[in-house]
Amino acid sequence: MSSTAMPSRIPATPNDVATHIARLFGQHMELGCRLTFDGRLDPRILSRAVRLSLDAEPVLGCALRTGVFRVWWERLEDLDGAQPFSVGATTDPERDAVAHMTAAIDSTVGPQAAVHLLQTEGGDEVVVSMSHDATDGQGVKQYAYLLADLYTRLSIDPAYTPSPPAAPRPSAADVWDALTPGQRRDANKTPPMTMPNWIIPATAISGRGRTLRELRLRPERFRAIKAYGDARGASINALTLTAFFRALVRSFSPPAGQPMSLPFTAEYRRYLREHKDVPITNLAISLWLGVPRVEGEPFDGTLARVGEQLDAWRDALWGVKSLTQATGVARMGYTPMRLMMGAISAMSAKSGKTSPVFTNIGVLDEGRLDFGGLVPVSARLSGPAAYGASLVPTISTYRDTLTVSMGFCDADIDPDVIEQVLRHMDEELTFA
């Protein structure tokens, strides 16, 4: 360990606070990662890697503390006894991987990450669950890379210990400070947002029975989709967002001509000067498109309209101004912010209307997932789940296999509804 001091307290960012409060009002705020190997990992080395990860990323070894106005992260005193790692054999890896990916993490207890090693007949699986209070989806990828790096180093030198980051966790203020005057002018041109207006059938708002469903598009399909997009100047993000919108229209038949809310998440590390070396943090926010249903419109027509709105957000630096405005709200303090968000949540529930939220976390880098010479044959990520009508697809890609994961609570919404949306997405992304 270097001389860099391990902090006992870490300031909570406005995003940390907002995510924690959203959890209190009907959100399961855990993010997951699943790595599948065709060989065996050493449980002792992996266990040590998990423990050291809480030192390499100090916020993960903390519990969230809330006062009347202030919120902070406080390091746990007995991290060796915290047991964030477990191992077990399974004959049903699908069931058990989903259970561990969606396992609840109490951010006020900590740690903020849990890792389970599933030992199957065909090989091992590493399943990660992380608190969204402490990280966003990019941070989950970052944590998977960290585990691989620590495992590899410990395989060579069992006495290895990492150093905590020298830089603090960045927040919205750091992003804004890193922008040029010209970028700040562009960021002020924020497009309008569309309020929740989807009516989606839900039987309850209990939050019980959290699970997920997946759509997996194998390399041949993925390459065909990418080629289709390349020929039209459209990204995978635009293509999958368009397919999701069209799947929602087919599933729920909103009125034609009315702009339907279509939130998607953006994150802002790209604007930081040292964006490749920042600690794990929470730098994502939801932005909103408003896309009307057009009867009989072909896929290309919807893609063009979605792409036009995405371009407007790109020109406004993906809503970084919205991120800084959220920081201003957070300055009112924890209790006032909780009361405000609670009132908004109650109004939304009373309206009976909701919004889906689309997230594309991007590509998992195979080269950074080398666990001492063993590389996953499969990898994917999962996102949060809302109570009630939860339509929150999380996209990730590994080795040209694209996974759409949708978390939900099966006591609140019929799994057939989720499966129907995924089936329609699959059909919309079939370009013959």
Protein backbone atom coordinates (compact mmCIF):
# COMPACT_ATOMS: atom_id res chain seq x y z
CA MET A 1 0.00 0.00 0.00
CA SER A 2 1.31 3.44 -0.89
CA SER A 3 1.39 6.40 1.46
CA THR A 4 -1.92 7.67 0.05
CA ALA A 5 -4.16 7.88 3.10
CA MET A 6 -7.35 5.82 3.23
CA PRO A 7 -10.19 8.28 3.85
CA SER A 8 -12.54 7.55 6.74
CA ARG A 9 -15.25 9.74 5.21
CA ILE A 10 -16.02 10.44 1.56
CA PRO A 11 -18.44 13.17 0.45
CA ALA A 12 -21.59 11.84 -1.22
CA THR A 13 -22.20 13.36 -4.65
CA PRO A 14 -25.60 14.80 -5.57
CA ASN A 15 -26.17 11.76 -7.80
CA ASP A 16 -25.46 9.44 -4.86
CA VAL A 17 -28.06 11.28 -2.80
CA ALA A 18 -30.70 11.38 -5.54
CA THR A 19 -30.26 7.67 -6.30
CA HIS A 20 -30.55 6.79 -2.62
CA ILE A 21 -33.75 8.80 -2.26
CA ALA A 22 -35.20 7.20 -5.42
CA ARG A 23 -34.59 3.85 -3.73
CA LEU A 24 -36.79 4.97 -0.84
CA PHE A 25 -39.67 5.71 -3.21
CA GLY A 26 -40.02 2.51 -5.21
CA GLN A 27 -36.78 1.57 -6.94
CA HIS A 28 -34.50 -1.44 -6.60
CA MET A 29 -31.16 0.29 -7.06
CA GLU A 30 -28.76 -2.59 -7.64
CA LEU A 31 -26.70 -3.08 -10.79
CA GLY A 32 -25.33 -6.46 -11.81
CA CYS A 33 -22.62 -8.13 -13.86
CA ARG A 34 -22.31 -11.76 -14.92
CA LEU A 35 -19.06 -13.27 -16.23
CA THR A 36 -19.13 -16.87 -17.50
CA PHE A 37 -15.91 -18.91 -17.84
CA ASP A 38 -15.19 -22.30 -19.38
CA GLY A 39 -12.57 -23.00 -16.72
CA ARG A 40 -11.97 -22.67 -12.98
CA LEU A 41 -10.99 -19.70 -10.86
CA ASP A 42 -9.25 -20.04 -7.51
CA PRO A 43 -11.83 -19.07 -4.85
CA ARG A 44 -9.15 -18.01 -2.39
CA ILE A 45 -7.55 -15.60 -4.84
CA LEU A 46 -10.91 -14.22 -5.93
CA SER A 47 -11.99 -13.75 -2.32
CA ARG A 48 -8.83 -11.78 -1.61
CA ALA A 49 -9.36 -9.72 -4.79
CA VAL A 50 -12.86 -8.81 -3.65
CA ARG A 51 -11.61 -7.76 -0.23
CA LEU A 52 -8.82 -5.63 -1.72
CA SER A 53 -11.25 -4.03 -4.16
CA LEU A 54 -12.81 -2.27 -1.17
CA ASP A 55 -9.44 -0.59 -0.58
CA ALA A 56 -8.71 0.11 -4.25
CA GLU A 57 -12.12 1.84 -4.49
CA PRO A 58 -12.71 3.15 -0.94
CA VAL A 59 -16.35 4.15 -1.48
CA LEU A 60 -17.22 0.47 -1.93
CA GLY A 61 -16.01 -0.25 1.59
CA CYS A 62 -18.34 2.36 3.07
CA ALA A 63 -21.86 2.73 4.40
CA LEU A 64 -24.02 5.71 3.46
CA ARG A 65 -24.79 8.04 6.36
CA THR A 66 -27.58 10.62 6.29
CA GLY A 67 -28.12 13.60 8.54
CA VAL A 68 -30.87 16.19 8.40
CA PHE A 69 -29.03 18.03 5.61
CA ARG A 70 -25.70 16.29 4.99
CA VAL A 71 -24.99 12.89 3.40
CA TRP A 72 -21.62 11.16 3.39
CA TRP A 73 -19.92 7.79 2.99
CA GLU A 74 -18.25 6.34 6.09
CA ARG A 75 -15.66 3.56 5.94
CA LEU A 76 -16.66 0.33 7.65
CA GLU A 77 -14.48 -0.66 10.57
CA ASP A 78 -14.47 -4.44 10.00
CA LEU A 79 -14.16 -4.97 6.26
CA ASP A 80 -12.52 -8.35 6.80
CA GLY A 81 -15.69 -9.50 8.52
CA ALA A 82 -18.06 -7.88 6.06
CA GLN A 83 -18.12 -10.99 3.82
CA PRO A 84 -18.80 -9.40 0.42
CA PHE A 85 -17.68 -12.67 -1.25
CA SER A 86 -19.36 -16.08 -1.33
CA VAL A 87 -18.92 -19.29 -3.30
CA GLY A 88 -21.16 -22.26 -4.02
CA ALA A 89 -21.88 -25.04 -6.49
CA THR A 90 -25.04 -24.98 -8.59
CA THR A 91 -26.90 -27.20 -11.05
CA ASP A 92 -29.06 -24.23 -12.15
CA PRO A 93 -26.67 -21.37 -12.97
CA GLU A 94 -29.36 -19.31 -14.71
CA ARG A 95 -31.59 -19.23 -11.64
CA ASP A 96 -28.77 -18.62 -9.20
CA ALA A 97 -26.98 -16.01 -11.33
CA VAL A 98 -30.18 -13.97 -11.63
CA ALA A 99 -30.74 -14.27 -7.87
CA HIS A 100 -27.27 -12.92 -7.11
CA MET A 101 -27.31 -10.21 -9.80
CA THR A 102 -30.55 -8.84 -8.37
CA ALA A 103 -29.63 -9.32 -4.70
CA ALA A 104 -30.47 -6.34 -2.51
CA ILE A 105 -27.65 -4.22 -1.12
CA ASP A 106 -28.44 -1.91 1.77
CA SER A 107 -26.22 1.09 1.10
CA THR A 108 -26.64 2.26 4.70
CA VAL A 109 -25.01 -1.00 5.88
CA GLY A 110 -22.44 -1.74 3.15
CA PRO A 111 -20.24 -2.81 1.54
CA GLN A 112 -21.50 -1.44 -1.78
CA ALA A 113 -20.50 -4.52 -3.80
CA ALA A 114 -21.06 -8.25 -3.39
CA VAL A 115 -19.46 -11.01 -5.48
CA HIS A 116 -20.55 -14.64 -5.73
CA LEU A 117 -18.59 -17.42 -7.42
CA LEU A 118 -20.94 -19.99 -8.96
CA GLN A 119 -19.28 -23.34 -9.64
CA THR A 120 -21.08 -25.18 -12.43
CA GLU A 121 -20.36 -28.42 -14.23
CA GLY A 122 -19.05 -26.57 -17.29
CA GLY A 123 -17.02 -23.89 -15.51
CA ASP A 124 -17.26 -20.96 -13.12
CA GLU A 125 -19.39 -17.82 -13.13
CA VAL A 126 -18.57 -14.59 -11.33
CA VAL A 127 -21.74 -12.72 -10.41
CA VAL A 128 -21.55 -9.14 -9.12
CA SER A 129 -24.21 -6.97 -7.48
CA MET A 130 -23.46 -3.29 -6.78
CA SER A 131 -25.32 -0.44 -5.15
CA HIS A 132 -26.45 2.20 -7.64
CA ASP A 133 -26.11 4.69 -4.76
CA ALA A 134 -22.33 4.43 -5.19
CA THR A 135 -21.92 3.77 -8.89
CA ASP A 136 -23.51 3.95 -12.32
CA GLY A 137 -23.33 1.36 -15.10
CA GLN A 138 -19.89 2.48 -16.28
CA GLY A 139 -18.67 1.97 -12.74
CA VAL A 140 -19.88 -1.64 -12.82
CA LYS A 141 -17.71 -2.26 -15.87
CA GLN A 142 -14.86 -0.52 -14.09
CA TYR A 143 -15.33 -2.81 -11.09
CA ALA A 144 -15.27 -5.94 -13.25
CA TYR A 145 -11.97 -4.75 -14.77
CA LEU A 146 -10.63 -4.06 -11.28
CA LEU A 147 -11.47 -7.58 -10.09
CA ALA A 148 -9.69 -9.07 -13.10
CA ASP A 149 -6.63 -6.90 -12.50
CA LEU A 150 -6.46 -7.71 -8.77
CA TYR A 151 -6.97 -11.43 -9.42
CA THR A 152 -4.13 -11.44 -11.95
CA ARG A 153 -1.76 -9.51 -9.68
CA LEU A 154 -2.54 -11.75 -6.70
CA SER A 155 -1.92 -14.84 -8.84
CA ILE A 156 1.61 -13.58 -9.34
CA ASP A 157 2.20 -11.95 -5.94
CA PRO A 158 -0.11 -13.08 -3.10
CA ALA A 159 1.19 -10.19 -0.96
CA TYR A 160 0.09 -7.51 -3.43
CA THR A 161 -1.95 -4.62 -2.04
CA PRO A 162 -3.47 -1.79 -4.11
CA SER A 163 -3.35 1.92 -3.47
CA PRO A 164 -6.52 3.97 -3.10
CA PRO A 165 -7.09 6.60 -5.80
CA ALA A 166 -5.20 9.84 -5.35
CA ALA A 167 -8.07 11.83 -6.88
CA PRO A 168 -11.50 12.25 -5.26
CA ARG A 169 -14.68 10.86 -6.83
CA PRO A 170 -15.80 13.36 -9.47
CA SER A 171 -19.24 14.97 -9.44
CA ALA A 172 -21.27 17.20 -11.75
CA ALA A 173 -19.32 20.25 -10.60
CA ASP A 174 -16.07 18.68 -11.83
CA VAL A 175 -17.63 17.95 -15.21
CA TRP A 176 -18.84 21.55 -15.60
CA ASP A 177 -15.46 22.93 -14.51
CA ALA A 178 -13.75 20.84 -17.22
CA LEU A 179 -15.84 22.33 -20.04
CA THR A 180 -14.61 25.10 -22.32
CA PRO A 181 -16.66 28.33 -22.61
CA GLY A 182 -17.91 27.14 -26.00
CA GLN A 183 -19.01 23.80 -24.56
CA ARG A 184 -20.88 25.60 -21.78
CA ARG A 185 -22.75 27.67 -24.34
CA ASP A 186 -23.74 24.52 -26.21
CA ALA A 187 -24.76 22.81 -22.97
CA ASN A 188 -27.26 25.61 -22.27
CA LYS A 189 -29.26 24.61 -25.40
CA THR A 190 -31.03 21.80 -23.56
CA PRO A 191 -33.90 20.24 -25.56
CA PRO A 192 -37.36 20.09 -23.95
CA MET A 193 -38.31 17.05 -21.90
CA THR A 194 -41.53 15.01 -22.14
CA MET A 195 -43.23 14.05 -18.88
CA PRO A 196 -44.27 10.44 -18.09
CA ASN A 197 -47.33 9.52 -20.17
CA TRP A 198 -47.28 5.77 -20.78
CA ILE A 199 -50.10 3.66 -19.33
CA ILE A 200 -48.61 0.23 -18.65
CA PRO A 201 -50.50 -2.56 -16.88
CA ALA A 202 -49.27 -3.34 -13.37
CA THR A 203 -51.07 -5.37 -10.73
CA ALA A 204 -49.34 -3.89 -7.70
CA ILE A 205 -46.55 -1.56 -6.54
CA SER A 206 -45.00 -3.87 -3.95
CA GLY A 207 -41.39 -4.31 -5.08
CA ARG A 208 -41.61 -8.04 -4.34
CA GLY A 209 -40.22 -10.82 -6.51
CA ARG A 210 -37.43 -8.92 -8.22
CA THR A 211 -36.08 -10.80 -11.22
CA LEU A 212 -35.09 -10.14 -14.83
CA ARG A 213 -35.51 -11.35 -18.40
CA GLU A 214 -32.97 -11.16 -21.21
CA LEU A 215 -32.84 -10.91 -24.97
CA ARG A 216 -29.49 -12.02 -26.38
CA LEU A 217 -28.52 -11.22 -29.96
CA ARG A 218 -25.61 -13.44 -31.01
CA PRO A 219 -22.67 -12.23 -33.14
CA GLU A 220 -24.24 -12.92 -36.57
CA ARG A 221 -27.33 -10.90 -35.62
CA PHE A 222 -25.30 -8.16 -33.95
CA ARG A 223 -23.08 -7.71 -37.01
CA ALA A 224 -26.13 -7.55 -39.29
CA ILE A 225 -27.68 -4.87 -37.04
CA LYS A 226 -24.43 -2.91 -36.96
CA ALA A 227 -24.10 -3.10 -40.76
CA TYR A 228 -27.67 -1.86 -41.12
CA GLY A 229 -26.88 1.07 -38.86
CA ASP A 230 -23.54 1.83 -40.55
CA ALA A 231 -25.31 2.09 -43.90
CA ARG A 232 -27.63 4.74 -42.42
CA GLY A 233 -25.20 6.56 -40.17
CA ALA A 234 -26.97 5.20 -37.07
CA SER A 235 -25.31 3.94 -33.88
CA ILE A 236 -26.19 0.79 -31.98
CA ASN A 237 -27.59 3.11 -29.32
CA ALA A 238 -30.00 4.75 -31.79
CA LEU A 239 -30.99 1.41 -33.32
CA THR A 240 -31.78 -0.30 -30.03
CA LEU A 241 -33.57 2.77 -28.63
CA THR A 242 -35.70 2.91 -31.78
CA ALA A 243 -36.47 -0.81 -31.55
CA PHE A 244 -37.45 -0.37 -27.89
CA PHE A 245 -39.82 2.49 -28.71
CA ARG A 246 -41.46 0.54 -31.51
CA ALA A 247 -41.77 -2.49 -29.21
CA LEU A 248 -43.53 -0.30 -26.63
CA VAL A 249 -45.91 1.03 -29.27
CA ARG A 250 -46.77 -2.49 -30.42
CA SER A 251 -47.27 -3.64 -26.82
CA PHE A 252 -49.27 -0.72 -25.38
CA SER A 253 -50.82 1.15 -28.38
CA PRO A 254 -50.40 4.78 -27.26
CA PRO A 255 -52.45 7.42 -29.09
CA ALA A 256 -51.04 8.50 -32.45
CA GLY A 257 -49.52 11.96 -32.70
CA GLN A 258 -48.83 12.43 -28.97
CA PRO A 259 -45.11 12.70 -28.09
CA MET A 260 -44.43 9.71 -25.86
CA SER A 261 -41.78 10.00 -23.17
CA LEU A 262 -38.68 7.97 -23.95
CA PRO A 263 -35.98 8.53 -21.31
CA PHE A 264 -32.43 7.34 -21.87
CA THR A 265 -29.37 7.65 -19.68
CA ALA A 266 -26.18 9.54 -20.41
CA GLU A 267 -22.94 9.71 -18.46
CA TYR A 268 -20.23 12.35 -18.45
CA ARG A 269 -16.77 10.91 -17.79
CA ARG A 270 -15.82 11.81 -21.39
CA TYR A 271 -15.71 15.50 -20.42
CA LEU A 272 -13.30 15.05 -17.51
CA ARG A 273 -9.67 15.80 -18.28
CA GLU A 274 -8.49 12.54 -16.68
CA HIS A 275 -11.58 10.53 -17.58
CA LYS A 276 -9.76 7.19 -17.87
CA ASP A 277 -8.43 7.21 -14.31
CA VAL A 278 -11.32 8.47 -12.19
CA PRO A 279 -12.49 6.47 -9.16
CA ILE A 280 -15.78 4.59 -9.31
CA THR A 281 -18.54 7.16 -9.11
CA ASN A 282 -22.12 7.97 -10.08
CA LEU A 283 -22.15 10.31 -13.09
CA ALA A 284 -25.25 9.27 -15.06
CA ILE A 285 -28.57 11.03 -15.47
CA SER A 286 -31.77 10.36 -17.44
CA LEU A 287 -32.64 12.56 -20.43
CA TRP A 288 -35.98 12.51 -22.22
CA LEU A 289 -37.08 12.19 -25.81
CA GLY A 290 -40.66 12.83 -26.90
CA VAL A 291 -41.48 10.53 -29.83
CA PRO A 292 -45.00 10.45 -31.32
CA ARG A 293 -46.46 7.24 -32.68
CA VAL A 294 -46.90 7.38 -36.47
CA GLU A 295 -49.29 4.76 -37.77
CA GLY A 296 -47.75 2.42 -40.35
CA GLU A 297 -44.32 4.05 -40.17
CA PRO A 298 -41.39 1.84 -41.26
CA PHE A 299 -38.40 1.30 -38.98
CA ASP A 300 -36.23 3.72 -40.96
CA GLY A 301 -38.76 6.50 -40.43
CA THR A 302 -38.81 6.04 -36.65
CA LEU A 303 -35.01 5.72 -36.62
CA ALA A 304 -34.70 9.07 -38.40
CA ARG A 305 -36.97 10.81 -35.88
CA VAL A 306 -35.23 9.25 -32.86
CA GLY A 307 -31.84 10.07 -34.38
CA GLU A 308 -32.81 13.71 -34.88
CA GLN A 309 -33.69 14.09 -31.20
CA LEU A 310 -30.54 12.25 -30.10
CA ASP A 311 -28.49 14.64 -32.27
CA ALA A 312 -30.08 17.59 -30.46
CA TRP A 313 -28.99 16.12 -27.12
CA ARG A 314 -25.51 15.42 -28.50
CA ASP A 315 -25.22 19.05 -29.60
CA ALA A 316 -26.21 20.07 -26.05
CA LEU A 317 -23.42 17.86 -24.63
CA TRP A 318 -25.88 15.14 -23.64
CA GLY A 319 -27.65 17.22 -21.06
CA VAL A 320 -24.69 18.03 -18.87
CA LYS A 321 -26.55 21.20 -17.90
CA SER A 322 -29.32 19.01 -16.47
CA LEU A 323 -26.72 17.23 -14.37
CA THR A 324 -25.49 20.52 -12.91
CA GLN A 325 -29.09 21.68 -12.29
CA ALA A 326 -29.65 18.50 -10.28
CA THR A 327 -26.62 19.52 -8.23
CA GLY A 328 -28.36 22.79 -7.45
CA VAL A 329 -31.40 20.92 -6.20
CA ALA A 330 -29.17 18.79 -3.97
CA ARG A 331 -27.84 21.91 -2.26
CA MET A 332 -31.17 22.28 -0.46
CA GLY A 333 -30.06 19.40 1.77
CA TYR A 334 -31.05 15.79 2.29
CA THR A 335 -34.36 16.17 4.13
CA PRO A 336 -35.86 18.87 1.87
CA MET A 337 -34.70 16.94 -1.19
CA ARG A 338 -36.27 13.73 0.12
CA LEU A 339 -39.56 15.53 0.77
CA MET A 340 -39.54 17.05 -2.72
CA MET A 341 -38.76 13.75 -4.47
CA GLY A 342 -41.38 12.00 -2.33
CA ALA A 343 -44.03 14.49 -3.44
CA ILE A 344 -43.06 14.01 -7.09
CA SER A 345 -43.20 10.23 -6.68
CA ALA A 346 -46.66 10.43 -5.09
CA MET A 347 -47.94 12.63 -7.92
CA SER A 348 -46.59 10.21 -10.50
CA ALA A 349 -48.19 7.23 -8.78
CA LYS A 350 -51.52 9.06 -8.56
CA SER A 351 -51.46 9.85 -12.29
CA GLY A 352 -51.18 6.18 -13.20
CA LYS A 353 -48.64 7.11 -15.86
CA THR A 354 -45.03 6.07 -16.08
CA SER A 355 -41.98 6.21 -18.31
CA PRO A 356 -39.67 3.47 -19.48
CA VAL A 357 -35.95 4.18 -19.02
CA PHE A 358 -33.41 2.94 -21.58
CA THR A 359 -29.71 2.47 -20.75
CA ASN A 360 -26.90 1.36 -23.03
CA ILE A 361 -23.78 0.73 -20.94
CA GLY A 362 -21.82 -0.22 -24.04
CA VAL A 363 -19.07 -2.73 -24.74
CA LEU A 364 -17.31 -4.80 -22.11
CA ASP A 365 -13.60 -4.86 -23.00
CA GLU A 366 -12.44 -8.48 -23.30
CA GLY A 367 -8.82 -7.44 -22.89
CA ARG A 368 -9.54 -6.01 -19.44
CA LEU A 369 -11.40 -9.10 -18.20
CA ASP A 370 -8.39 -11.41 -18.09
CA PHE A 371 -8.41 -13.24 -14.75
CA GLY A 372 -4.86 -14.62 -14.63
CA GLY A 373 -5.09 -16.03 -18.13
CA LEU A 374 -8.78 -17.02 -17.97
CA VAL A 375 -11.10 -14.79 -20.00
CA PRO A 376 -14.91 -14.95 -19.88
CA VAL A 377 -16.65 -16.66 -22.78
CA SER A 378 -19.74 -14.58 -21.98
CA ALA A 379 -20.38 -11.33 -20.12
CA ARG A 380 -23.37 -9.05 -19.59
CA LEU A 381 -24.72 -6.38 -17.29
CA SER A 382 -28.07 -5.73 -15.62
CA GLY A 383 -29.74 -2.56 -14.39
CA PRO A 384 -32.20 -1.46 -11.68
CA ALA A 385 -35.89 -2.32 -11.44
CA ALA A 386 -38.84 -0.15 -10.49
CA TYR A 387 -41.76 -1.15 -8.33
CA GLY A 388 -44.96 -1.51 -10.35
CA ALA A 389 -44.69 -1.01 -14.12
CA SER A 390 -40.95 -1.52 -14.65
CA LEU A 391 -39.68 -1.22 -18.23
CA VAL A 392 -35.97 -0.49 -17.84
CA PRO A 393 -33.87 -2.21 -20.52
CA THR A 394 -30.13 -2.27 -19.93
CA ILE A 395 -27.96 -2.93 -23.00
CA SER A 396 -24.43 -4.35 -22.92
CA THR A 397 -22.22 -6.00 -25.54
CA TYR A 398 -19.40 -8.52 -25.25
CA ARG A 399 -17.68 -10.41 -28.05
CA ASP A 400 -20.31 -9.11 -30.47
CA THR A 401 -23.17 -10.55 -28.44
CA LEU A 402 -25.66 -7.85 -27.45
CA THR A 403 -27.74 -8.43 -24.31
CA VAL A 404 -30.92 -6.59 -23.39
CA SER A 405 -31.66 -7.15 -19.69
CA MET A 406 -34.94 -5.99 -18.18
CA GLY A 407 -35.39 -6.01 -14.42
CA PHE A 408 -38.86 -6.05 -12.84
CA CYS A 409 -40.86 -7.40 -9.89
CA ASP A 410 -43.02 -10.38 -10.82
CA ALA A 411 -45.48 -9.58 -8.02
CA ASP A 412 -46.13 -6.21 -9.70
CA ILE A 413 -46.14 -6.86 -13.44
CA ASP A 414 -46.88 -10.02 -15.40
CA PRO A 415 -43.63 -11.50 -16.78
CA ASP A 416 -45.52 -12.03 -20.05
CA VAL A 417 -45.59 -8.23 -20.47
CA ILE A 418 -41.79 -8.03 -20.18
CA GLU A 419 -41.29 -11.00 -22.48
CA GLN A 420 -43.64 -9.48 -25.06
CA VAL A 421 -41.66 -6.23 -25.18
CA LEU A 422 -38.40 -8.15 -25.57
CA ARG A 423 -39.94 -10.32 -28.29
CA HIS A 424 -41.07 -7.22 -30.17
CA MET A 425 -37.60 -5.70 -29.81
CA ASP A 426 -36.13 -8.86 -31.29
CA GLU A 427 -38.51 -8.65 -34.23
CA GLU A 428 -37.83 -4.94 -34.77
CA LEU A 429 -34.09 -5.65 -34.94
CA THR A 430 -34.49 -8.33 -37.60
CA PHE A 431 -33.34 -6.74 -40.85
CA ALA A 432 -33.86 -9.20 -43.72
